[in-house]
Protein backbone atom coordinates (compact mmCIF):
# COMPACT_ATOMS: atom_id res chain seq x y z
CA SER A 1 -197.22 -8.85 24.90
CA ARG A 2 -200.89 -9.70 25.34
CA LEU A 3 -200.23 -10.46 29.01
CA SER A 4 -198.70 -7.04 29.68
CA VAL A 5 -201.62 -5.32 27.96
CA LEU A 6 -204.08 -7.34 30.06
CA VAL A 7 -202.24 -6.45 33.28
CA ALA A 8 -202.24 -2.77 32.32
CA VAL A 9 -205.98 -2.80 31.60
CA ILE A 10 -206.73 -4.54 34.91
CA GLY A 11 -204.57 -2.00 36.73
CA MET A 12 -206.39 0.95 35.16
CA LEU A 13 -209.77 -0.55 36.01
CA ALA A 14 -208.65 -1.13 39.61
CA VAL A 15 -207.64 2.50 39.99
CA LEU A 16 -210.80 3.71 38.27
CA PHE A 17 -213.19 1.80 40.49
CA SER A 18 -211.23 2.03 43.73
CA ASN A 19 -211.22 5.81 43.54
CA SER A 20 -214.88 6.49 42.85
CA SER A 21 -216.91 6.64 46.05
CA LEU A 22 -219.93 7.69 44.00
CA TRP A 23 -220.34 4.47 42.07
CA ALA A 24 -222.21 2.44 44.62
CA ALA A 25 -223.06 -1.05 43.38
CA PRO A 26 -226.67 -2.28 43.31
CA PRO A 27 -228.22 -3.90 46.37
CA THR A 28 -227.40 -7.42 45.14
CA SER A 29 -223.63 -6.78 45.25
CA HIS A 30 -221.57 -9.46 46.94
CA GLY A 31 -220.14 -8.69 50.39
CA ARG A 32 -222.59 -5.95 51.36
CA ASN A 33 -225.91 -6.33 53.11
CA TYR A 34 -228.94 -4.27 52.11
CA ASP A 35 -231.49 -6.33 54.05
CA GLU A 36 -232.38 -4.85 57.45
CA ALA A 37 -233.53 -8.29 58.60
CA LYS A 38 -229.91 -9.52 58.28
CA VAL A 39 -228.35 -6.80 60.38
CA GLY A 40 -228.37 -8.97 63.49
CA SER A 41 -227.83 -7.93 67.09
CA TYR A 42 -224.89 -5.91 68.33
CA THR A 43 -223.81 -4.12 71.48
CA LEU A 44 -222.19 -0.71 71.33
CA PRO A 45 -219.42 0.25 73.74
CA ASP A 46 -220.42 2.91 76.24
CA PRO A 47 -218.46 6.12 75.64
CA LEU A 48 -218.93 7.09 79.29
CA VAL A 49 -217.27 3.97 80.75
CA GLY A 50 -213.51 4.32 80.98
CA LYS A 51 -210.91 1.64 80.49
CA ASP A 52 -210.73 1.28 84.27
CA GLY A 53 -214.43 0.39 84.34
CA GLN A 54 -215.39 3.61 86.06
CA ARG A 55 -218.31 5.64 84.77
CA ILE A 56 -217.76 9.24 83.72
CA THR A 57 -220.33 11.52 85.34
CA ASP A 58 -219.03 15.06 84.82
CA PRO A 59 -217.49 17.14 82.01
CA SER A 60 -214.12 17.60 83.69
CA SER A 61 -213.56 13.84 83.94
CA TRP A 62 -214.56 13.43 80.31
CA ILE A 63 -212.08 16.06 79.18
CA ALA A 64 -209.27 14.93 81.48
CA THR A 65 -209.41 11.17 80.88
CA ARG A 66 -212.10 9.48 78.82
CA ARG A 67 -211.89 11.71 75.75
CA ASN A 68 -208.16 11.10 75.54
CA GLU A 69 -208.65 7.33 75.82
CA ILE A 70 -211.10 7.29 72.92
CA LEU A 71 -208.95 9.58 70.78
CA ARG A 72 -205.94 7.34 71.38
CA ASP A 73 -207.91 4.23 70.34
CA PHE A 74 -208.98 5.83 67.07
CA ARG A 75 -205.39 6.86 66.40
CA ASP A 76 -203.99 3.44 67.31
CA LEU A 77 -206.47 1.27 65.44
CA MET A 78 -208.29 3.16 62.69
CA TYR A 79 -207.09 6.52 61.38
CA GLY A 80 -203.49 6.35 62.56
CA HIS A 81 -201.30 8.83 64.40
CA THR A 82 -200.82 12.26 62.88
CA PRO A 83 -197.21 13.32 63.49
CA GLU A 84 -196.09 16.66 64.85
CA LEU A 85 -194.47 18.46 61.91
CA PRO A 86 -192.26 21.58 61.97
CA VAL A 87 -194.77 23.87 60.27
CA LYS A 88 -193.91 27.45 59.34
CA LEU A 89 -197.00 28.95 57.71
CA ARG A 90 -196.41 31.30 54.80
CA SER A 91 -199.25 32.68 52.71
CA GLU A 92 -199.10 34.34 49.31
CA VAL A 93 -202.17 35.96 47.78
CA THR A 94 -202.17 35.16 44.06
CA ASP A 95 -205.46 36.76 43.00
CA ILE A 96 -208.27 38.90 44.42
CA ARG A 97 -211.60 39.46 42.71
CA LYS A 98 -213.96 41.85 44.49
CA ASP A 99 -217.03 41.15 42.34
CA ALA A 100 -217.12 37.35 42.45
CA VAL A 101 -220.40 35.42 42.31
CA ASP A 102 -222.27 38.26 40.59
CA GLY A 103 -220.85 40.83 42.97
CA LEU A 104 -221.82 39.03 46.17
CA ALA A 105 -218.30 38.29 47.36
CA THR A 106 -214.63 39.06 47.37
CA ARG A 107 -212.79 35.96 46.25
CA THR A 108 -209.17 35.51 47.31
CA LEU A 109 -206.82 32.85 45.97
CA VAL A 110 -203.96 32.23 48.36
CA THR A 111 -201.11 29.72 48.32
CA LEU A 112 -200.28 28.26 51.72
CA ARG A 113 -196.83 26.80 52.29
CA PHE A 114 -195.70 25.06 55.45
CA PHE A 115 -192.06 24.13 54.86
CA ASP A 116 -189.01 25.80 53.36
CA ASP A 117 -188.82 23.10 50.70
CA PRO A 118 -190.55 24.42 47.53
CA ASP A 119 -191.37 20.83 46.52
CA ALA A 120 -193.26 20.09 49.75
CA PRO A 121 -197.05 19.70 49.58
CA HIS A 122 -198.91 23.00 49.77
CA ILE A 123 -202.48 24.28 49.60
CA ASN A 124 -204.14 26.46 46.98
CA LEU A 125 -206.94 27.91 49.09
CA MET A 126 -209.95 29.74 47.65
CA LEU A 127 -211.80 32.02 50.08
CA TYR A 128 -215.11 33.80 49.47
CA VAL A 129 -216.13 36.58 51.88
CA PRO A 130 -219.53 38.26 51.40
CA ASN A 131 -219.26 41.91 50.46
CA ALA A 132 -222.40 42.87 52.38
CA GLY A 133 -222.75 42.76 56.14
CA ARG A 134 -220.40 42.93 59.07
CA LYS A 135 -216.89 41.58 59.25
CA PRO A 136 -215.46 39.29 60.41
CA VAL A 137 -217.71 36.53 59.05
CA PRO A 138 -218.23 32.88 60.01
CA VAL A 139 -216.87 30.51 57.36
CA PHE A 140 -217.62 27.05 56.01
CA LEU A 141 -214.33 25.25 55.28
CA GLY A 142 -214.39 22.10 53.17
CA LEU A 143 -212.32 20.08 50.75
CA SER A 144 -213.35 19.63 47.13
CA PHE A 145 -212.99 16.49 45.07
CA TYR A 146 -212.01 18.30 41.87
CA GLY A 147 -210.35 21.54 42.88
CA ASN A 148 -211.16 25.22 42.94
CA ALA A 149 -211.98 25.52 39.24
CA SER A 150 -214.75 22.93 39.61
CA VAL A 151 -216.53 25.06 42.23
CA GLU A 152 -217.13 28.16 40.11
CA LYS A 153 -217.08 28.50 36.33
CA ASP A 154 -214.59 31.32 36.06
CA PRO A 155 -211.68 31.08 33.58
CA SER A 156 -209.43 33.06 35.92
CA ILE A 157 -209.38 30.25 38.51
CA PRO A 158 -206.37 28.00 37.80
CA LEU A 159 -207.02 24.34 37.06
CA PRO A 160 -205.49 21.83 39.48
CA GLU A 161 -202.16 20.56 38.15
CA GLY A 162 -201.74 17.32 40.08
CA TRP A 163 -203.14 13.82 39.81
CA MET A 164 -206.93 13.63 39.77
CA ARG A 165 -209.21 10.63 40.00
CA PRO A 166 -211.35 9.74 36.97
CA THR A 167 -214.79 11.21 36.31
CA ARG A 168 -217.70 9.90 34.28
CA ASN A 169 -217.38 12.83 31.91
CA SER A 170 -214.42 14.32 30.05
CA ALA A 171 -213.45 16.70 32.85
CA VAL A 172 -210.43 14.54 33.74
CA VAL A 173 -208.30 12.93 31.04
CA ASP A 174 -205.25 10.79 31.81
CA SER A 175 -205.64 11.71 35.50
CA ARG A 176 -205.31 15.43 34.75
CA ALA A 177 -207.90 18.23 34.80
CA THR A 178 -209.21 19.63 31.53
CA GLU A 179 -211.11 22.82 30.69
CA SER A 180 -214.33 20.81 30.95
CA LEU A 181 -213.80 20.69 34.71
CA ARG A 182 -214.63 24.39 35.13
CA GLY A 183 -217.81 24.70 37.14
CA ALA A 184 -218.56 21.00 36.65
CA TYR A 185 -219.35 20.54 40.36
CA ALA A 186 -220.71 24.00 41.15
CA HIS A 187 -224.04 22.36 42.00
CA ARG A 188 -222.37 21.01 45.14
CA TRP A 189 -221.41 24.55 46.17
CA PRO A 190 -224.46 26.91 46.17
CA LEU A 191 -222.23 29.89 46.79
CA ALA A 192 -224.84 32.59 46.27
CA MET A 193 -227.19 31.08 48.85
CA VAL A 194 -224.45 30.78 51.45
CA LEU A 195 -223.01 34.24 50.80
CA GLU A 196 -226.41 35.93 50.89
CA ARG A 197 -226.92 34.52 54.36
CA GLY A 198 -223.70 36.16 55.54
CA TYR A 199 -221.31 33.21 55.57
CA GLY A 200 -217.93 32.88 53.92
CA VAL A 201 -216.75 29.76 52.10
CA ALA A 202 -213.21 28.40 51.95
CA THR A 203 -212.10 25.37 49.97
CA PHE A 204 -209.17 23.60 48.37
CA TYR A 205 -208.49 20.42 46.42
CA TYR A 206 -207.95 17.45 48.72
CA GLY A 207 -205.28 16.20 46.33
CA ASP A 208 -203.16 19.20 47.38
CA MET A 209 -202.37 17.16 50.47
CA GLU A 210 -202.28 13.71 48.95
CA PRO A 211 -203.38 12.07 45.69
CA ASP A 212 -206.32 9.74 46.29
CA HIS A 213 -204.88 6.36 45.32
CA ILE A 214 -202.99 3.56 46.98
CA GLU A 215 -199.52 4.97 46.22
CA GLY A 216 -200.60 8.58 46.78
CA TRP A 217 -198.79 8.75 50.11
CA ARG A 218 -195.45 8.79 48.30
CA ASP A 219 -196.27 12.15 46.67
CA GLY A 220 -198.29 13.65 49.51
CA ILE A 221 -197.91 14.94 53.02
CA ARG A 222 -197.49 11.45 54.49
CA GLY A 223 -194.51 10.73 52.27
CA TYR A 224 -193.05 14.15 53.02
CA ALA A 225 -193.40 13.53 56.76
CA LEU A 226 -191.42 10.31 56.35
CA LYS A 227 -188.75 12.24 54.47
CA LEU A 228 -188.50 14.74 57.31
CA ALA A 229 -188.11 11.84 59.74
CA GLY A 230 -185.39 10.25 57.61
CA ARG A 231 -187.46 7.14 56.88
CA THR A 232 -188.84 5.42 53.81
CA GLU A 233 -191.36 2.92 55.19
CA ARG A 234 -194.60 3.52 57.07
CA GLY A 235 -195.49 1.80 60.34
CA ARG A 236 -198.79 0.02 60.81
CA HIS A 237 -200.02 2.62 63.29
CA GLU A 238 -199.20 5.67 61.15
CA TRP A 239 -201.78 7.95 59.61
CA GLY A 240 -203.82 7.07 56.57
CA ALA A 241 -204.99 9.45 53.85
CA LEU A 242 -207.93 10.62 55.98
CA GLY A 243 -205.35 11.84 58.47
CA GLY A 244 -203.37 13.62 55.76
CA TRP A 245 -206.43 15.37 54.34
CA SER A 246 -207.54 16.30 57.88
CA TRP A 247 -204.10 17.77 58.56
CA GLY A 248 -204.59 20.03 55.56
CA LEU A 249 -207.91 21.30 56.93
CA SER A 250 -206.21 22.29 60.16
CA ARG A 251 -203.49 24.12 58.24
CA ALA A 252 -206.15 26.02 56.30
CA LEU A 253 -207.67 27.00 59.64
CA ASP A 254 -204.23 28.25 60.71
CA TYR A 255 -204.42 30.69 57.82
CA LEU A 256 -208.04 31.68 58.44
CA GLU A 257 -207.02 32.66 61.96
CA THR A 258 -204.72 35.28 60.43
CA ASN A 259 -207.32 36.75 58.06
CA PRO A 260 -209.13 39.74 59.64
CA ALA A 261 -212.20 39.20 57.45
CA VAL A 262 -212.79 35.77 59.02
CA ASP A 263 -214.23 35.00 62.45
CA ALA A 264 -211.85 32.15 63.24
CA HIS A 265 -213.91 31.22 66.31
CA ARG A 266 -216.82 30.34 64.01
CA VAL A 267 -215.34 28.12 61.32
CA ALA A 268 -217.40 25.06 60.40
CA VAL A 269 -215.57 22.13 58.83
CA PHE A 270 -217.68 20.04 56.48
CA GLY A 271 -217.35 17.29 53.91
CA PHE A 272 -219.22 14.92 51.62
CA SER A 273 -218.62 11.17 51.22
CA ARG A 274 -215.00 10.29 52.07
CA LEU A 275 -214.45 13.98 52.68
CA GLY A 276 -217.27 13.71 55.24
CA LYS A 277 -215.15 11.11 57.03
CA THR A 278 -212.26 13.55 56.77
CA ALA A 279 -214.28 16.40 58.29
CA LEU A 280 -215.26 14.25 61.27
CA TRP A 281 -211.67 13.21 61.93
CA ALA A 282 -210.46 16.80 61.53
CA GLY A 283 -213.10 18.04 63.97
CA ALA A 284 -212.33 15.27 66.44
CA GLN A 285 -208.63 16.11 66.53
CA ASP A 286 -208.75 19.90 66.16
CA GLU A 287 -211.02 21.49 68.76
CA ARG A 288 -210.74 24.90 67.10
CA PHE A 289 -213.46 23.93 64.62
CA ALA A 290 -216.70 25.37 65.99
CA LEU A 291 -219.06 23.07 64.08
CA VAL A 292 -218.49 19.73 62.32
CA ILE A 293 -220.66 18.61 59.38
CA SER A 294 -220.64 15.17 57.77
CA ASN A 295 -222.71 14.49 54.66
CA ASN A 296 -223.19 10.85 53.51
CA SER A 297 -219.92 9.77 55.18
CA GLY A 298 -220.90 6.12 55.79
CA GLU A 299 -218.42 3.48 56.94
CA GLY A 300 -215.39 5.03 58.56
CA GLY A 301 -217.45 8.18 59.03
CA ALA A 302 -220.73 8.56 60.89
CA SER A 303 -222.29 5.11 60.37
CA LEU A 304 -221.81 2.31 62.87
CA ALA A 305 -219.29 -0.41 62.00
CA ARG A 306 -221.17 -2.97 64.10
CA ARG A 307 -224.34 -2.59 62.03
CA ASN A 308 -224.09 -5.15 59.27
CA PHE A 309 -225.68 -2.94 56.62
CA GLY A 310 -224.27 -1.41 53.48
CA GLU A 311 -220.53 -0.98 53.44
CA ASN A 312 -218.50 -2.81 56.07
CA ILE A 313 -214.85 -2.67 57.14
CA ALA A 314 -213.82 -5.32 54.61
CA TYR A 315 -215.40 -3.43 51.73
CA SER A 316 -214.07 -0.07 52.90
CA ILE A 317 -210.50 -1.38 53.04
CA ALA A 318 -210.79 -3.24 49.73
CA HIS A 319 -212.28 -0.10 48.18
CA ALA A 320 -209.68 2.36 49.50
CA SER A 321 -207.32 0.88 52.08
CA TRP A 322 -205.09 3.95 52.04
CA ARG A 323 -207.65 5.98 53.98
CA TYR A 324 -206.80 4.20 57.23
CA CYS A 325 -203.79 3.02 59.17
CA ASP A 326 -202.72 -0.55 58.42
CA ARG A 327 -203.77 -1.80 61.85
CA PHE A 328 -207.41 -1.29 60.89
CA ARG A 329 -207.10 -4.33 58.62
CA ASP A 330 -206.97 -6.49 61.75
CA TYR A 331 -210.67 -5.79 62.31
CA ILE A 332 -212.00 -7.10 59.02
CA GLY A 333 -214.89 -9.31 60.11
CA ARG A 334 -214.21 -8.32 63.72
CA ALA A 335 -215.95 -4.96 64.15
CA SER A 336 -217.32 -6.08 67.52
CA ASP A 337 -213.75 -6.36 68.84
CA LEU A 338 -213.04 -2.67 68.33
CA PRO A 339 -213.00 -0.74 71.63
CA PHE A 340 -215.06 1.97 69.92
CA ASP A 341 -217.70 2.56 67.29
CA GLN A 342 -218.45 5.67 65.29
CA HIS A 343 -220.78 7.23 67.86
CA MET A 344 -217.59 7.65 69.89
CA LEU A 345 -215.97 9.55 67.01
CA LEU A 346 -218.90 11.97 67.26
CA ALA A 347 -218.35 12.07 71.03
CA LEU A 348 -214.87 13.50 70.48
CA ILE A 349 -216.54 16.59 69.00
CA ALA A 350 -218.63 17.32 72.12
CA PRO A 351 -219.57 19.84 73.39
CA ARG A 352 -219.25 21.51 69.97
CA PRO A 353 -222.22 20.91 67.67
CA VAL A 354 -222.09 18.20 65.02
CA TYR A 355 -224.45 17.72 62.08
CA ILE A 356 -224.98 14.40 60.28
CA SER A 357 -226.88 14.11 57.01
CA SER A 358 -227.96 11.02 55.10
CA ALA A 359 -229.89 10.23 51.91
CA THR A 360 -232.74 7.77 51.39
CA GLU A 361 -231.15 6.04 48.38
CA ASP A 362 -227.58 6.01 49.69
CA LEU A 363 -227.81 2.51 51.13
CA LEU A 364 -224.08 1.89 50.89
CA ALA A 365 -223.54 4.57 53.57
CA ASP A 366 -226.20 3.03 55.85
CA PRO A 367 -228.38 6.08 56.57
CA LYS A 368 -230.03 4.41 59.56
CA GLY A 369 -226.62 3.54 60.99
CA GLU A 370 -225.63 7.20 60.72
CA PHE A 371 -228.74 8.19 62.65
CA VAL A 372 -228.25 5.52 65.34
CA SER A 373 -224.71 6.78 65.79
CA ALA A 374 -226.11 10.27 66.40
CA VAL A 375 -228.59 8.86 68.94
CA HIS A 376 -225.91 7.08 70.95
CA VAL A 377 -223.65 10.10 71.31
CA GLU A 378 -226.35 12.06 73.13
CA PRO A 379 -225.30 10.95 76.67
CA VAL A 380 -221.94 12.67 76.14
CA TYR A 381 -223.63 15.94 75.20
CA GLN A 382 -225.89 15.57 78.22
CA LEU A 383 -222.77 15.68 80.41
CA PHE A 384 -222.44 19.30 79.28
CA GLY A 385 -226.14 20.04 79.80
CA LEU A 386 -226.81 19.98 76.06
CA ARG A 387 -229.52 18.23 74.05
CA GLY A 388 -228.43 16.09 71.14
CA VAL A 389 -230.50 14.68 68.29
CA ASN A 390 -233.33 14.59 70.81
CA THR A 391 -235.27 11.63 69.41
CA MET A 392 -235.01 7.85 69.30
CA LYS A 393 -237.19 7.66 66.18
CA TRP A 394 -235.51 7.82 62.79
CA PRO A 395 -236.89 11.03 61.26
CA GLU A 396 -238.98 10.94 58.12
CA PRO A 397 -237.21 12.11 54.94
CA ASP A 398 -236.66 15.86 54.72
CA GLN A 399 -237.60 16.41 58.38
CA PRO A 400 -234.45 17.69 60.18
CA ALA A 401 -234.09 16.91 63.88
CA GLY A 402 -231.81 17.71 66.77
CA GLU A 403 -230.10 20.53 68.60
CA TYR A 404 -226.38 20.21 69.39
CA VAL A 405 -226.43 16.97 67.38
CA GLY A 406 -228.31 17.67 64.15
CA TYR A 407 -229.54 15.11 61.64
CA HIS A 408 -231.55 14.89 58.47
CA LEU A 409 -232.44 12.21 55.96
CA ARG A 410 -232.72 13.82 52.54
CA THR A 411 -234.77 12.30 49.75
CA GLY A 412 -232.34 11.24 47.03
CA ASN A 413 -229.01 9.57 46.42
CA HIS A 414 -225.33 9.96 47.31
CA ALA A 415 -224.89 13.69 46.78
CA ILE A 416 -224.62 17.06 48.46
CA THR A 417 -227.42 19.38 47.44
CA ALA A 418 -228.85 22.84 48.07
CA TYR A 419 -231.27 21.22 50.54
CA ASP A 420 -228.34 19.91 52.58
CA TRP A 421 -226.71 23.33 52.59
CA GLU A 422 -229.93 24.98 53.74
CA GLN A 423 -229.92 22.76 56.84
CA PHE A 424 -226.22 23.35 57.52
């Protein structure tokens, strides 16, 4: 019937637009503010004042009490609780190429399984280790939006087989990867530059853990966790997709700890856009990550929720509600009632270094709000005798700032570029 066709078309459009974080609407879009004069006043909660009203003045008190309070609030109200799962790591190397990236690296493809069930979610990890220089090497670990084959144009790298969100080109057809995907996003991964500087790179498709749509939890790690618990319905406090993707990053780190070519004490977790949110949450929960990098992460990532600029909680949930726990919906229009803001997410990473990057044209992500968040985490780093972003003035474009809290505002739009990688 005409009605059924109309419903189907509306459904496809909803999936298409809800899954593309790159398609930011113009500044006149309804429900988002792009006028700095309309930001209004706001007061940020102090990360160093505990729930008992006492001020934290030393690192041991931060670690013993206040950090745990903040982490619990984020788990209760925003990202959800990640369950303890009975993981048994098994790795199977499926391919090794010793002359990858024009001979610069040895590339290993390895399948990581965590449960005895062959149908359980697993990871297809791709690891590059530079051939030159000493081993073990520090490694950048990050998720990719379109899988291993999109990172390097090499026909021997298998295409992802699962559900994939739409692209503007023909790389994905009917939610499945095509041959056109090969190397399509290699510009986001300047492998030669990173390898020549002595760093390894590890990556996998974030859809390995969970497909990026509203029902993706049923086929991903969150649905499998429910199955293990003998349940079928999720509670309002349980983890969202950001938690599931973050869990996968920690499992990849489990493997890197077993690889003698990798210095597991120097693994940096990084991400772009919603995967930048994921990297921050992974680094906040898993203190094994030595450095945490967030590129253009915006709302739910590095930018402040209380700043009424760009994306807000209402838009973020309407855009992709499955990222968060259901309790986060209670704070639509009520950001000031949250017991935290995103500077306190950064605080959970202290005293490890964190790097935040923004872009001049990426107004949806509120670049200034990302910087202000970095400014307001500095008192936590000072507890440890460390200097943070080290300035109250928003840096000019392409002028990096900071020490243990790094920041730059890149000229350009919502992207991850060679310039960003140079700073990382």
